[in-house]
Amino acid sequence: AARFRALTRISLRLPVAFRVAQTRAGRLHLTPVRCRGRIRPAR
């Protein structure tokens, strides 16, 4: 369980790109992930 509360209404547009590394069929498998959205600090 968790609770989040946004600390401000001001947001910043932030694109993110990274790769996820998992074990698939006994070997290292890399998967690309691309995101875009708006980010805000929270507690």
Full PDB file with SEQRES, HELIX, SHEET, SSBOND, CRYST1, ORIGX, SCALE, CONECT and MASTER records, all heavy atoms in Angstrom:
SEQRES   1 A   43  ALA ALA ARG PHE ARG ALA LEU THR ARG ILE SER LEU ARG          
SEQRES   2 A   43  LEU PRO VAL ALA PHE ARG VAL ALA GLN THR ARG ALA GLY          
SEQRES   3 A   43  ARG LEU HIS LEU THR PRO VAL ARG CYS ARG GLY ARG ILE          
SEQRES   4 A   43  ARG PRO ALA ARG                                              
SHEET    1 AA1 2 LEU A  12  ARG A  13  0                                        
SHEET    2 AA1 2 ARG A  38  ILE A  39 -1                                        
SHEET    1 AA2 2 VAL A  16  ARG A  24  0                                        
SHEET    2 AA2 2 ARG A  27  CYS A  35 -1                                        
CRYST1    1.000    1.000    1.000  90.00  90.00  90.00 P 1           1          
ORIGX1      1.000000  0.000000  0.000000        0.00000                         
ORIGX2      0.000000  1.000000  0.000000        0.00000                         
ORIGX3      0.000000  0.000000  1.000000        0.00000                         
SCALE1      1.000000  0.000000  0.000000        0.00000                         
SCALE2      0.000000  1.000000  0.000000        0.00000                         
SCALE3      0.000000  0.000000  1.000000        0.00000                         
ATOM      1  N   ALA A   1       0.837  -1.193   0.000  1.00  0.00           N  
ATOM      2  CA  ALA A   1       0.000   0.000   0.000  1.00  0.00           C  
ATOM      3  C   ALA A   1       0.874   1.245   0.000  1.00  0.00           C  
ATOM      4  O   ALA A   1       2.045   1.212   0.406  1.00  0.00           O  
ATOM      5  CB  ALA A   1      -0.926   0.006   1.214  1.00  0.00           C  
ATOM      6  N   ALA A   2       0.307   2.362  -0.466  1.00  0.00           N  
ATOM      7  CA  ALA A   2       1.030   3.637  -0.460  1.00  0.00           C  
ATOM      8  C   ALA A   2       0.047   4.784  -0.573  1.00  0.00           C  
ATOM      9  O   ALA A   2      -1.079   4.621  -1.057  1.00  0.00           O  
ATOM     10  CB  ALA A   2       2.049   3.696  -1.590  1.00  0.00           C  
ATOM     11  N   ARG A   3       0.506   5.969  -0.132  1.00  0.00           N  
ATOM     12  CA  ARG A   3      -0.239   7.211  -0.312  1.00  0.00           C  
ATOM     13  C   ARG A   3       0.705   8.251  -0.906  1.00  0.00           C  
ATOM     14  O   ARG A   3       1.860   8.346  -0.486  1.00  0.00           O  
ATOM     15  CB  ARG A   3      -0.786   7.736   1.026  1.00  0.00           C  
ATOM     16  CG  ARG A   3      -1.871   6.865   1.632  1.00  0.00           C  
ATOM     17  CD  ARG A   3      -2.338   7.456   2.958  1.00  0.00           C  
ATOM     18  NE  ARG A   3      -3.379   6.651   3.579  1.00  0.00           N  
ATOM     19  CZ  ARG A   3      -4.663   6.775   3.335  1.00  0.00           C  
ATOM     20  NH1 ARG A   3      -5.091   7.720   2.504  1.00  0.00           N  
ATOM     21  NH2 ARG A   3      -5.538   6.004   3.934  1.00  0.00           N  
ATOM     22  N   PHE A   4       0.215   9.009  -1.888  1.00  0.00           N  
ATOM     23  CA  PHE A   4       0.979  10.085  -2.501  1.00  0.00           C  
ATOM     24  C   PHE A   4       0.173  11.378  -2.430  1.00  0.00           C  
ATOM     25  O   PHE A   4      -1.049  11.359  -2.584  1.00  0.00           O  
ATOM     26  CB  PHE A   4       1.260   9.785  -3.984  1.00  0.00           C  
ATOM     27  CG  PHE A   4       2.423   8.866  -4.234  1.00  0.00           C  
ATOM     28  CD1 PHE A   4       2.321   7.505  -3.969  1.00  0.00           C  
ATOM     29  CD2 PHE A   4       3.612   9.356  -4.764  1.00  0.00           C  
ATOM     30  CE1 PHE A   4       3.380   6.653  -4.207  1.00  0.00           C  
ATOM     31  CE2 PHE A   4       4.679   8.511  -5.014  1.00  0.00           C  
ATOM     32  CZ  PHE A   4       4.569   7.154  -4.735  1.00  0.00           C  
ATOM     33  N   ARG A   5       0.890  12.481  -2.261  1.00  0.00           N  
ATOM     34  CA  ARG A   5       0.255  13.793  -2.324  1.00  0.00           C  
ATOM     35  C   ARG A   5       1.150  14.713  -3.146  1.00  0.00           C  
ATOM     36  O   ARG A   5       2.324  14.917  -2.813  1.00  0.00           O  
ATOM     37  CB  ARG A   5       0.037  14.381  -0.935  1.00  0.00           C  
ATOM     38  CG  ARG A   5      -0.661  15.742  -0.950  1.00  0.00           C  
ATOM     39  CD  ARG A   5      -1.053  16.177   0.446  1.00  0.00           C  
ATOM     40  NE  ARG A   5       0.088  16.399   1.302  1.00  0.00           N  
ATOM     41  CZ  ARG A   5       0.775  17.561   1.356  1.00  0.00           C  
ATOM     42  NH1 ARG A   5       0.416  18.568   0.564  1.00  0.00           N  
ATOM     43  NH2 ARG A   5       1.782  17.690   2.172  1.00  0.00           N  
ATOM     44  N   ALA A   6       0.625  15.259  -4.242  1.00  0.00           N  
ATOM     45  CA  ALA A   6       1.379  16.209  -5.057  1.00  0.00           C  
ATOM     46  C   ALA A   6       1.663  17.471  -4.248  1.00  0.00           C  
ATOM     47  O   ALA A   6       0.789  17.961  -3.537  1.00  0.00           O  
ATOM     48  CB  ALA A   6       0.626  16.542  -6.329  1.00  0.00           C  
ATOM     49  N   LEU A   7       2.884  18.006  -4.370  1.00  0.00           N  
ATOM     50  CA  LEU A   7       3.285  19.157  -3.570  1.00  0.00           C  
ATOM     51  C   LEU A   7       3.039  20.484  -4.262  1.00  0.00           C  
ATOM     52  O   LEU A   7       3.114  21.538  -3.626  1.00  0.00           O  
ATOM     53  CB  LEU A   7       4.769  19.041  -3.203  1.00  0.00           C  
ATOM     54  CG  LEU A   7       5.127  17.845  -2.323  1.00  0.00           C  
ATOM     55  CD1 LEU A   7       6.619  17.830  -2.033  1.00  0.00           C  
ATOM     56  CD2 LEU A   7       4.328  17.871  -1.025  1.00  0.00           C  
ATOM     57  N   THR A   8       2.755  20.473  -5.566  1.00  0.00           N  
ATOM     58  CA  THR A   8       2.508  21.698  -6.305  1.00  0.00           C  
ATOM     59  C   THR A   8       1.672  21.383  -7.536  1.00  0.00           C  
ATOM     60  O   THR A   8       1.640  20.234  -7.983  1.00  0.00           O  
ATOM     61  CB  THR A   8       3.841  22.355  -6.732  1.00  0.00           C  
ATOM     62  OG1 THR A   8       3.567  23.518  -7.519  1.00  0.00           O  
ATOM     63  CG2 THR A   8       4.674  21.388  -7.559  1.00  0.00           C  
ATOM     64  N   ARG A   9       1.015  22.405  -8.056  1.00  0.00           N  
ATOM     65  CA  ARG A   9       0.279  22.257  -9.307  1.00  0.00           C  
ATOM     66  C   ARG A   9       1.167  22.497 -10.518  1.00  0.00           C  
ATOM     67  O   ARG A   9       0.784  22.206 -11.647  1.00  0.00           O  
ATOM     68  CB  ARG A   9      -0.919  23.214  -9.339  1.00  0.00           C  
ATOM     69  CG  ARG A   9      -1.998  22.879  -8.319  1.00  0.00           C  
ATOM     70  CD  ARG A   9      -3.187  23.801  -8.481  1.00  0.00           C  
ATOM     71  NE  ARG A   9      -4.248  23.463  -7.543  1.00  0.00           N  
ATOM     72  CZ  ARG A   9      -5.191  22.555  -7.780  1.00  0.00           C  
ATOM     73  NH1 ARG A   9      -5.183  21.899  -8.930  1.00  0.00           N  
ATOM     74  NH2 ARG A   9      -6.125  22.295  -6.890  1.00  0.00           N  
ATOM     75  N   ILE A  10       2.337  23.039 -10.285  1.00  0.00           N  
ATOM     76  CA  ILE A  10       3.271  23.333 -11.376  1.00  0.00           C  
ATOM     77  C   ILE A  10       3.930  22.041 -11.839  1.00  0.00           C  
ATOM     78  O   ILE A  10       4.426  21.254 -11.015  1.00  0.00           O  
ATOM     79  CB  ILE A  10       4.330  24.349 -10.942  1.00  0.00           C  
ATOM     80  CG1 ILE A  10       3.664  25.657 -10.510  1.00  0.00           C  
ATOM     81  CG2 ILE A  10       5.347  24.596 -12.057  1.00  0.00           C  
ATOM     82  CD1 ILE A  10       4.615  26.650  -9.893  1.00  0.00           C  
ATOM     83  N   SER A  11       3.940  21.813 -13.151  1.00  0.00           N  
ATOM     84  CA  SER A  11       4.526  20.587 -13.680  1.00  0.00           C  
ATOM     85  C   SER A  11       5.546  20.914 -14.760  1.00  0.00           C  
ATOM     86  O   SER A  11       5.545  22.009 -15.335  1.00  0.00           O  
ATOM     87  CB  SER A  11       3.437  19.666 -14.247  1.00  0.00           C  
ATOM     88  OG  SER A  11       2.767  20.285 -15.329  1.00  0.00           O  
ATOM     89  N   LEU A  12       6.409  19.961 -15.030  1.00  0.00           N  
ATOM     90  CA  LEU A  12       7.449  20.101 -16.038  1.00  0.00           C  
ATOM     91  C   LEU A  12       7.314  18.966 -17.032  1.00  0.00           C  
ATOM     92  O   LEU A  12       7.255  17.794 -16.641  1.00  0.00           O  
ATOM     93  CB  LEU A  12       8.829  20.043 -15.374  1.00  0.00           C  
ATOM     94  CG  LEU A  12      10.041  20.019 -16.310  1.00  0.00           C  
ATOM     95  CD1 LEU A  12      10.167  21.347 -17.051  1.00  0.00           C  
ATOM     96  CD2 LEU A  12      11.313  19.730 -15.511  1.00  0.00           C  
ATOM     97  N   ARG A  13       7.241  19.304 -18.310  1.00  0.00           N  
ATOM     98  CA  ARG A  13       7.190  18.267 -19.335  1.00  0.00           C  
ATOM     99  C   ARG A  13       8.547  17.598 -19.435  1.00  0.00           C  
ATOM    100  O   ARG A  13       9.564  18.274 -19.584  1.00  0.00           O  
ATOM    101  CB  ARG A  13       6.776  18.845 -20.687  1.00  0.00           C  
ATOM    102  CG  ARG A  13       5.333  19.303 -20.709  1.00  0.00           C  
ATOM    103  CD  ARG A  13       4.805  19.458 -22.122  1.00  0.00           C  
ATOM    104  NE  ARG A  13       3.382  19.760 -22.104  1.00  0.00           N  
ATOM    105  CZ  ARG A  13       2.427  18.844 -22.025  1.00  0.00           C  
ATOM    106  NH1 ARG A  13       2.749  17.554 -21.968  1.00  0.00           N  
ATOM    107  NH2 ARG A  13       1.152  19.196 -22.008  1.00  0.00           N  
ATOM    108  N   LEU A  14       8.553  16.273 -19.369  1.00  0.00           N  
ATOM    109  CA  LEU A  14       9.821  15.553 -19.329  1.00  0.00           C  
ATOM    110  C   LEU A  14       9.725  14.254 -20.121  1.00  0.00           C  
ATOM    111  O   LEU A  14       9.087  13.299 -19.682  1.00  0.00           O  
ATOM    112  CB  LEU A  14      10.198  15.232 -17.871  1.00  0.00           C  
ATOM    113  CG  LEU A  14      11.548  14.543 -17.671  1.00  0.00           C  
ATOM    114  CD1 LEU A  14      12.676  15.488 -18.048  1.00  0.00           C  
ATOM    115  CD2 LEU A  14      11.696  14.068 -16.233  1.00  0.00           C  
ATOM    116  N   PRO A  15      10.360  14.189 -21.296  1.00  0.00           N  
ATOM    117  CA  PRO A  15      10.439  12.906 -22.010  1.00  0.00           C  
ATOM    118  C   PRO A  15      11.513  12.023 -21.361  1.00  0.00           C  
ATOM    119  O   PRO A  15      12.536  12.519 -20.877  1.00  0.00           O  
ATOM    120  CB  PRO A  15      10.837  13.321 -23.429  1.00  0.00           C  
ATOM    121  CG  PRO A  15      11.566  14.608 -23.260  1.00  0.00           C  
ATOM    122  CD  PRO A  15      10.969  15.290 -22.060  1.00  0.00           C  
ATOM    123  N   VAL A  16      11.259  10.734 -21.343  1.00  0.00           N  
ATOM    124  CA  VAL A  16      12.173   9.776 -20.722  1.00  0.00           C  
ATOM    125  C   VAL A  16      12.353   8.595 -21.665  1.00  0.00           C  
ATOM    126  O   VAL A  16      11.380   8.112 -22.253  1.00  0.00           O  
ATOM    127  CB  VAL A  16      11.628   9.268 -19.363  1.00  0.00           C  
ATOM    128  CG1 VAL A  16      12.576   8.251 -18.748  1.00  0.00           C  
ATOM    129  CG2 VAL A  16      11.411  10.431 -18.409  1.00  0.00           C  
ATOM    130  N   ALA A  17      13.597   8.130 -21.801  1.00  0.00           N  
ATOM    131  CA  ALA A  17      13.880   6.936 -22.592  1.00  0.00           C  
ATOM    132  C   ALA A  17      14.914   6.098 -21.853  1.00  0.00           C  
ATOM    133  O   ALA A  17      15.910   6.626 -21.355  1.00  0.00           O  
ATOM    134  CB  ALA A  17      14.388   7.311 -23.977  1.00  0.00           C  
ATOM    135  N   PHE A  18      14.655   4.798 -21.756  1.00  0.00           N  
ATOM    136  CA  PHE A  18      15.590   3.909 -21.066  1.00  0.00           C  
ATOM    137  C   PHE A  18      15.364   2.491 -21.566  1.00  0.00           C  
ATOM    138  O   PHE A  18      14.489   2.241 -22.401  1.00  0.00           O  
ATOM    139  CB  PHE A  18      15.399   3.995 -19.551  1.00  0.00           C  
ATOM    140  CG  PHE A  18      14.022   3.633 -19.058  1.00  0.00           C  
ATOM    141  CD1 PHE A  18      13.737   2.357 -18.601  1.00  0.00           C  
ATOM    142  CD2 PHE A  18      13.004   4.582 -19.050  1.00  0.00           C  
ATOM    143  CE1 PHE A  18      12.477   2.032 -18.149  1.00  0.00           C  
ATOM    144  CE2 PHE A  18      11.735   4.273 -18.603  1.00  0.00           C  
ATOM    145  CZ  PHE A  18      11.470   2.987 -18.146  1.00  0.00           C  
ATOM    146  N   ARG A  19      16.154   1.556 -21.064  1.00  0.00           N  
ATOM    147  CA  ARG A  19      16.003   0.145 -21.414  1.00  0.00           C  
ATOM    148  C   ARG A  19      15.813  -0.685 -20.150  1.00  0.00           C  
ATOM    149  O   ARG A  19      16.433  -0.408 -19.116  1.00  0.00           O  
ATOM    150  CB  ARG A  19      17.207  -0.369 -22.204  1.00  0.00           C  
ATOM    151  CG  ARG A  19      17.284   0.208 -23.611  1.00  0.00           C  
ATOM    152  CD  ARG A  19      18.517  -0.264 -24.352  1.00  0.00           C  
ATOM    153  NE  ARG A  19      18.589   0.323 -25.680  1.00  0.00           N  
ATOM    154  CZ  ARG A  19      18.138  -0.251 -26.790  1.00  0.00           C  
ATOM    155  NH1 ARG A  19      17.594  -1.456 -26.723  1.00  0.00           N  
ATOM    156  NH2 ARG A  19      18.233   0.349 -27.956  1.00  0.00           N  
ATOM    157  N   VAL A  20      14.956  -1.682 -20.256  1.00  0.00           N  
ATOM    158  CA  VAL A  20      14.706  -2.613 -19.165  1.00  0.00           C  
ATOM    159  C   VAL A  20      15.493  -3.892 -19.436  1.00  0.00           C  
ATOM    160  O   VAL A  20      15.432  -4.446 -20.536  1.00  0.00           O  
ATOM    161  CB  VAL A  20      13.203  -2.919 -19.038  1.00  0.00           C  
ATOM    162  CG1 VAL A  20      12.962  -4.034 -18.028  1.00  0.00           C  
ATOM    163  CG2 VAL A  20      12.442  -1.658 -18.629  1.00  0.00           C  
ATOM    164  N   ALA A  21      16.232  -4.346 -18.434  1.00  0.00           N  
ATOM    165  CA  ALA A  21      17.056  -5.550 -18.549  1.00  0.00           C  
ATOM    166  C   ALA A  21      16.434  -6.664 -17.713  1.00  0.00           C  
ATOM    167  O   ALA A  21      16.318  -6.529 -16.487  1.00  0.00           O  
ATOM    168  CB  ALA A  21      18.484  -5.276 -18.075  1.00  0.00           C  
ATOM    169  N   GLN A  22      16.011  -7.740 -18.350  1.00  0.00           N  
ATOM    170  CA  GLN A  22      15.385  -8.881 -17.670  1.00  0.00           C  
ATOM    171  C   GLN A  22      16.026 -10.185 -18.144  1.00  0.00           C  
ATOM    172  O   GLN A  22      16.748 -10.206 -19.149  1.00  0.00           O  
ATOM    173  CB  GLN A  22      13.888  -8.917 -17.966  1.00  0.00           C  
ATOM    174  CG  GLN A  22      13.116  -7.684 -17.569  1.00  0.00           C  
ATOM    175  CD  GLN A  22      13.071  -7.430 -16.073  1.00  0.00           C  
ATOM    176  OE1 GLN A  22      13.207  -6.314 -15.615  1.00  0.00           O  
ATOM    177  NE2 GLN A  22      12.904  -8.501 -15.300  1.00  0.00           N  
ATOM    178  N   THR A  23      15.725 -11.263 -17.444  1.00  0.00           N  
ATOM    179  CA  THR A  23      16.133 -12.588 -17.881  1.00  0.00           C  
ATOM    180  C   THR A  23      14.978 -13.222 -18.638  1.00  0.00           C  
ATOM    181  O   THR A  23      13.879 -13.365 -18.110  1.00  0.00           O  
ATOM    182  CB  THR A  23      16.513 -13.478 -16.689  1.00  0.00           C  
ATOM    183  OG1 THR A  23      17.575 -12.860 -15.964  1.00  0.00           O  
ATOM    184  CG2 THR A  23      16.965 -14.857 -17.163  1.00  0.00           C  
ATOM    185  N   ARG A  24      15.217 -13.582 -19.885  1.00  0.00           N  
ATOM    186  CA  ARG A  24      14.207 -14.213 -20.728  1.00  0.00           C  
ATOM    187  C   ARG A  24      14.839 -15.403 -21.420  1.00  0.00           C  
ATOM    188  O   ARG A  24      15.865 -15.279 -22.062  1.00  0.00           O  
ATOM    189  CB  ARG A  24      13.660 -13.225 -21.761  1.00  0.00           C  
ATOM    190  CG  ARG A  24      12.591 -13.798 -22.697  1.00  0.00           C  
ATOM    191  CD  ARG A  24      12.036 -12.680 -23.555  1.00  0.00           C  
ATOM    192  NE  ARG A  24      11.077 -13.178 -24.532  1.00  0.00           N  
ATOM    193  CZ  ARG A  24      11.402 -13.487 -25.783  1.00  0.00           C  
ATOM    194  NH1 ARG A  24      12.655 -13.346 -26.216  1.00  0.00           N  
ATOM    195  NH2 ARG A  24      10.477 -13.922 -26.627  1.00  0.00           N  
ATOM    196  N   ALA A  25      14.226 -16.575 -21.254  1.00  0.00           N  
ATOM    197  CA  ALA A  25      14.765 -17.821 -21.819  1.00  0.00           C  
ATOM    198  C   ALA A  25      16.201 -18.041 -21.371  1.00  0.00           C  
ATOM    199  O   ALA A  25      17.037 -18.530 -22.141  1.00  0.00           O  
ATOM    200  CB  ALA A  25      14.663 -17.805 -23.337  1.00  0.00           C  
ATOM    201  N   GLY A  26      16.486 -17.680 -20.121  1.00  0.00           N  
ATOM    202  CA  GLY A  26      17.800 -17.915 -19.549  1.00  0.00           C  
ATOM    203  C   GLY A  26      18.878 -16.939 -19.977  1.00  0.00           C  
ATOM    204  O   GLY A  26      20.046 -17.104 -19.607  1.00  0.00           O  
ATOM    205  N   ARG A  27      18.522 -15.898 -20.742  1.00  0.00           N  
ATOM    206  CA  ARG A  27      19.509 -14.950 -21.238  1.00  0.00           C  
ATOM    207  C   ARG A  27      19.080 -13.518 -20.934  1.00  0.00           C  
ATOM    208  O   ARG A  27      17.903 -13.252 -20.678  1.00  0.00           O  
ATOM    209  CB  ARG A  27      19.697 -15.122 -22.754  1.00  0.00           C  
ATOM    210  CG  ARG A  27      20.123 -16.503 -23.172  1.00  0.00           C  
ATOM    211  CD  ARG A  27      20.252 -16.618 -24.682  1.00  0.00           C  
ATOM    212  NE  ARG A  27      21.270 -15.715 -25.205  1.00  0.00           N  
ATOM    213  CZ  ARG A  27      21.552 -15.613 -26.497  1.00  0.00           C  
ATOM    214  NH1 ARG A  27      20.869 -16.308 -27.412  1.00  0.00           N  
ATOM    215  NH2 ARG A  27      22.505 -14.778 -26.899  1.00  0.00           N  
ATOM    216  N   LEU A  28      20.055 -12.605 -20.985  1.00  0.00           N  
ATOM    217  CA  LEU A  28      19.759 -11.188 -20.795  1.00  0.00           C  
ATOM    218  C   LEU A  28      18.937 -10.667 -21.966  1.00  0.00           C  
ATOM    219  O   LEU A  28      19.287 -10.880 -23.129  1.00  0.00           O  
ATOM    220  CB  LEU A  28      21.063 -10.399 -20.688  1.00  0.00           C  
ATOM    221  CG  LEU A  28      20.928  -8.880 -20.558  1.00  0.00           C  
ATOM    222  CD1 LEU A  28      20.254  -8.510 -19.247  1.00  0.00           C  
ATOM    223  CD2 LEU A  28      22.298  -8.217 -20.669  1.00  0.00           C  
ATOM    224  N   HIS A  29      17.824  -9.994 -21.662  1.00  0.00           N  
ATOM    225  CA  HIS A  29      16.942  -9.453 -22.691  1.00  0.00           C  
ATOM    226  C   HIS A  29      16.739  -7.974 -22.404  1.00  0.00           C  
ATOM    227  O   HIS A  29      16.309  -7.590 -21.309  1.00  0.00           O  
ATOM    228  CB  HIS A  29      15.596 -10.180 -22.685  1.00  0.00           C  
ATOM    229  CG  HIS A  29      14.659  -9.738 -23.773  1.00  0.00           C  
ATOM    230  ND1 HIS A  29      14.736 -10.212 -25.053  1.00  0.00           N  
ATOM    231  CD2 HIS A  29      13.634  -8.846 -23.757  1.00  0.00           C  
ATOM    232  CE1 HIS A  29      13.803  -9.648 -25.796  1.00  0.00           C  
ATOM    233  NE2 HIS A  29      13.113  -8.808 -25.037  1.00  0.00           N  
ATOM    234  N   LEU A  30      17.038  -7.109 -23.391  1.00  0.00           N  
ATOM    235  CA  LEU A  30      16.912  -5.661 -23.240  1.00  0.00           C  
ATOM    236  C   LEU A  30      15.702  -5.160 -24.008  1.00  0.00           C  
ATOM    237  O   LEU A  30      15.529  -5.495 -25.182  1.00  0.00           O  
ATOM    238  CB  LEU A  30      18.178  -4.959 -23.743  1.00  0.00           C  
ATOM    239  CG  LEU A  30      19.491  -5.362 -23.066  1.00  0.00           C  
ATOM    240  CD1 LEU A  30      20.650  -4.567 -23.653  1.00  0.00           C  
ATOM    241  CD2 LEU A  30      19.415  -5.176 -21.556  1.00  0.00           C  
ATOM    242  N   THR A  31      14.883  -4.345 -23.351  1.00  0.00           N  
ATOM    243  CA  THR A  31      13.657  -3.821 -23.948  1.00  0.00           C  
ATOM    244  C   THR A  31      13.658  -2.302 -23.883  1.00  0.00           C  
ATOM    245  O   THR A  31      13.790  -1.727 -22.796  1.00  0.00           O  
ATOM    246  CB  THR A  31      12.424  -4.357 -23.205  1.00  0.00           C  
ATOM    247  OG1 THR A  31      12.426  -5.778 -23.235  1.00  0.00           O  
ATOM    248  CG2 THR A  31      11.138  -3.833 -23.842  1.00  0.00           C  
ATOM    249  N   PRO A  32      13.490  -1.605 -25.021  1.00  0.00           N  
ATOM    250  CA  PRO A  32      13.432  -0.137 -24.984  1.00  0.00           C  
ATOM    251  C   PRO A  32      12.084   0.361 -24.467  1.00  0.00           C  
ATOM    252  O   PRO A  32      11.040  -0.218 -24.747  1.00  0.00           O  
ATOM    253  CB  PRO A  32      13.640   0.254 -26.450  1.00  0.00           C  
ATOM    254  CG  PRO A  32      13.142  -0.916 -27.226  1.00  0.00           C  
ATOM    255  CD  PRO A  32      13.415  -2.133 -26.388  1.00  0.00           C  
ATOM    256  N   VAL A  33      12.133   1.457 -23.716  1.00  0.00           N  
ATOM    257  CA  VAL A  33      10.934   2.103 -23.194  1.00  0.00           C  
ATOM    258  C   VAL A  33      11.068   3.603 -23.464  1.00  0.00           C  
ATOM    259  O   VAL A  33      12.107   4.201 -23.170  1.00  0.00           O  
ATOM    260  CB  VAL A  33      10.757   1.866 -21.685  1.00  0.00           C  
ATOM    261  CG1 VAL A  33       9.466   2.522 -21.184  1.00  0.00           C  
ATOM    262  CG2 VAL A  33      10.770   0.386 -21.366  1.00  0.00           C  
ATOM    263  N   ARG A  34      10.029   4.200 -24.034  1.00  0.00           N  
ATOM    264  CA  ARG A  34      10.010   5.632 -24.298  1.00  0.00           C  
ATOM    265  C   ARG A  34       8.745   6.228 -23.696  1.00  0.00           C  
ATOM    266  O   ARG A  34       7.656   5.680 -23.886  1.00  0.00           O  
ATOM    267  CB  ARG A  34      10.042   5.905 -25.799  1.00  0.00           C  
ATOM    268  CG  ARG A  34      11.394   5.637 -26.463  1.00  0.00           C  
ATOM    269  CD  ARG A  34      11.276   4.923 -27.763  1.00  0.00           C  
ATOM    270  NE  ARG A  34      10.835   3.533 -27.584  1.00  0.00           N  
ATOM    271  CZ  ARG A  34      10.553   2.723 -28.580  1.00  0.00           C  
ATOM    272  NH1 ARG A  34      10.605   3.142 -29.817  1.00  0.00           N  
ATOM    273  NH2 ARG A  34      10.181   1.478 -28.333  1.00  0.00           N  
ATOM    274  N   CYS A  35       8.901   7.336 -22.967  1.00  0.00           N  
ATOM    275  CA  CYS A  35       7.766   7.966 -22.287  1.00  0.00           C  
ATOM    276  C   CYS A  35       7.812   9.473 -22.496  1.00  0.00           C  
ATOM    277  O   CYS A  35       8.882  10.053 -22.648  1.00  0.00           O  
ATOM    278  CB  CYS A  35       7.797   7.709 -20.781  1.00  0.00           C  
ATOM    279  SG  CYS A  35       8.044   6.019 -20.267  1.00  0.00           S  
ATOM    280  N   ARG A  36       6.644  10.073 -22.461  1.00  0.00           N  
ATOM    281  CA  ARG A  36       6.558  11.525 -22.353  1.00  0.00           C  
ATOM    282  C   ARG A  36       5.363  11.858 -21.479  1.00  0.00           C  
ATOM    283  O   ARG A  36       4.340  11.170 -21.496  1.00  0.00           O  
ATOM    284  CB  ARG A  36       6.454  12.194 -23.716  1.00  0.00           C  
ATOM    285  CG  ARG A  36       5.296  11.763 -24.586  1.00  0.00           C  
ATOM    286  CD  ARG A  36       5.390  12.397 -25.965  1.00  0.00           C  
ATOM    287  NE  ARG A  36       4.355  11.918 -26.874  1.00  0.00           N  
ATOM    288  CZ  ARG A  36       3.156  12.467 -27.007  1.00  0.00           C  
ATOM    289  NH1 ARG A  36       2.855  13.522 -26.282  1.00  0.00           N  
ATOM    290  NH2 ARG A  36       2.280  11.979 -27.857  1.00  0.00           N  
ATOM    291  N   GLY A  37       5.522  12.898 -20.687  1.00  0.00           N  
ATOM    292  CA  GLY A  37       4.469  13.285 -19.773  1.00  0.00           C  
ATOM    293  C   GLY A  37       4.889  14.490 -18.953  1.00  0.00           C  
ATOM    294  O   GLY A  37       5.884  15.163 -19.265  1.00  0.00           O  
ATOM    295  N   ARG A  38       4.146  14.780 -17.887  1.00  0.00           N  
ATOM    296  CA  ARG A  38       4.417  15.930 -17.022  1.00  0.00           C  
ATOM    297  C   ARG A  38       4.759  15.423 -15.631  1.00  0.00           C  
ATOM    298  O   ARG A  38       4.070  14.552 -15.092  1.00  0.00           O  
ATOM    299  CB  ARG A  38       3.209  16.869 -16.984  1.00  0.00           C  
ATOM    300  CG  ARG A  38       2.904  17.501 -18.343  1.00  0.00           C  
ATOM    301  CD  ARG A  38       1.768  18.503 -18.285  1.00  0.00           C  
ATOM    302  NE  ARG A  38       0.492  17.883 -17.931  1.00  0.00           N  
ATOM    303  CZ  ARG A  38      -0.157  18.072 -16.802  1.00  0.00           C  
ATOM    304  NH1 ARG A  38       0.348  18.851 -15.860  1.00  0.00           N  
ATOM    305  NH2 ARG A  38      -1.315  17.476 -16.590  1.00  0.00           N  
ATOM    306  N   ILE A  39       5.795  16.002 -15.038  1.00  0.00           N  
ATOM    307  CA  ILE A  39       6.299  15.521 -13.759  1.00  0.00           C  
ATOM    308  C   ILE A  39       6.091  16.573 -12.677  1.00  0.00           C  
ATOM    309  O   ILE A  39       6.219  17.773 -12.935  1.00  0.00           O  
ATOM    310  CB  ILE A  39       7.798  15.140 -13.889  1.00  0.00           C  
ATOM    311  CG1 ILE A  39       8.251  14.308 -12.695  1.00  0.00           C  
ATOM    312  CG2 ILE A  39       8.671  16.362 -14.094  1.00  0.00           C  
ATOM    313  CD1 ILE A  39       9.600  13.683 -12.887  1.00  0.00           C  
ATOM    314  N   ARG A  40       5.706  16.099 -11.477  1.00  0.00           N  
ATOM    315  CA  ARG A  40       5.542  16.984 -10.329  1.00  0.00           C  
ATOM    316  C   ARG A  40       6.130  16.316  -9.093  1.00  0.00           C  
ATOM    317  O   ARG A  40       6.034  15.091  -8.935  1.00  0.00           O  
ATOM    318  CB  ARG A  40       4.062  17.271 -10.069  1.00  0.00           C  
ATOM    319  CG  ARG A  40       3.424  18.214 -11.066  1.00  0.00           C  
ATOM    320  CD  ARG A  40       2.098  18.738 -10.537  1.00  0.00           C  
ATOM    321  NE  ARG A  40       1.020  17.785 -10.691  1.00  0.00           N  
ATOM    322  CZ  ARG A  40      -0.142  17.854 -10.035  1.00  0.00           C  
ATOM    323  NH1 ARG A  40      -0.346  18.795  -9.137  1.00  0.00           N  
ATOM    324  NH2 ARG A  40      -1.087  16.962 -10.258  1.00  0.00           N  
ATOM    325  N   PRO A  41       6.727  17.087  -8.180  1.00  0.00           N  
ATOM    326  CA  PRO A  41       7.205  16.502  -6.926  1.00  0.00           C  
ATOM    327  C   PRO A  41       6.032  16.084  -6.051  1.00  0.00           C  
ATOM    328  O   PRO A  41       4.953  16.681  -6.098  1.00  0.00           O  
ATOM    329  CB  PRO A  41       8.023  17.623  -6.288  1.00  0.00           C  
ATOM    330  CG  PRO A  41       7.425  18.879  -6.857  1.00  0.00           C  
ATOM    331  CD  PRO A  41       7.007  18.537  -8.255  1.00  0.00           C  
ATOM    332  N   ALA A  42       6.255  15.064  -5.241  1.00  0.00           N  
ATOM    333  CA  ALA A  42       5.191  14.550  -4.380  1.00  0.00           C  
ATOM    334  C   ALA A  42       5.785  14.102  -3.056  1.00  0.00           C  
ATOM    335  O   ALA A  42       7.008  13.961  -2.897  1.00  0.00           O  
ATOM    336  CB  ALA A  42       4.476  13.387  -5.056  1.00  0.00           C  
ATOM    337  N   ARG A  43       4.908  13.885  -2.093  1.00  0.00           N  
ATOM    338  CA  ARG A  43       5.281  13.289  -0.813  1.00  0.00           C  
ATOM    339  C   ARG A  43       4.576  11.943  -0.721  1.00  0.00           C  
ATOM    340  O   ARG A  43       3.396  11.836  -1.062  1.00  0.00           O  
ATOM    341  CB  ARG A  43       4.863  14.195   0.347  1.00  0.00           C  
ATOM    342  CG  ARG A  43       5.236  13.657   1.725  1.00  0.00           C  
ATOM    343  CD  ARG A  43       4.960  14.708   2.780  1.00  0.00           C  
ATOM    344  NE  ARG A  43       5.817  15.875   2.567  1.00  0.00           N  
ATOM    345  CZ  ARG A  43       5.545  17.093   3.033  1.00  0.00           C  
ATOM    346  NH1 ARG A  43       4.421  17.306   3.702  1.00  0.00           N  
ATOM    347  NH2 ARG A  43       6.375  18.091   2.816  1.00  0.00           N  
TER     348      ARG A  43                                                      
MASTER        0    0    0    0    4    0    0    6  347    1    0    4          
END                                                                             
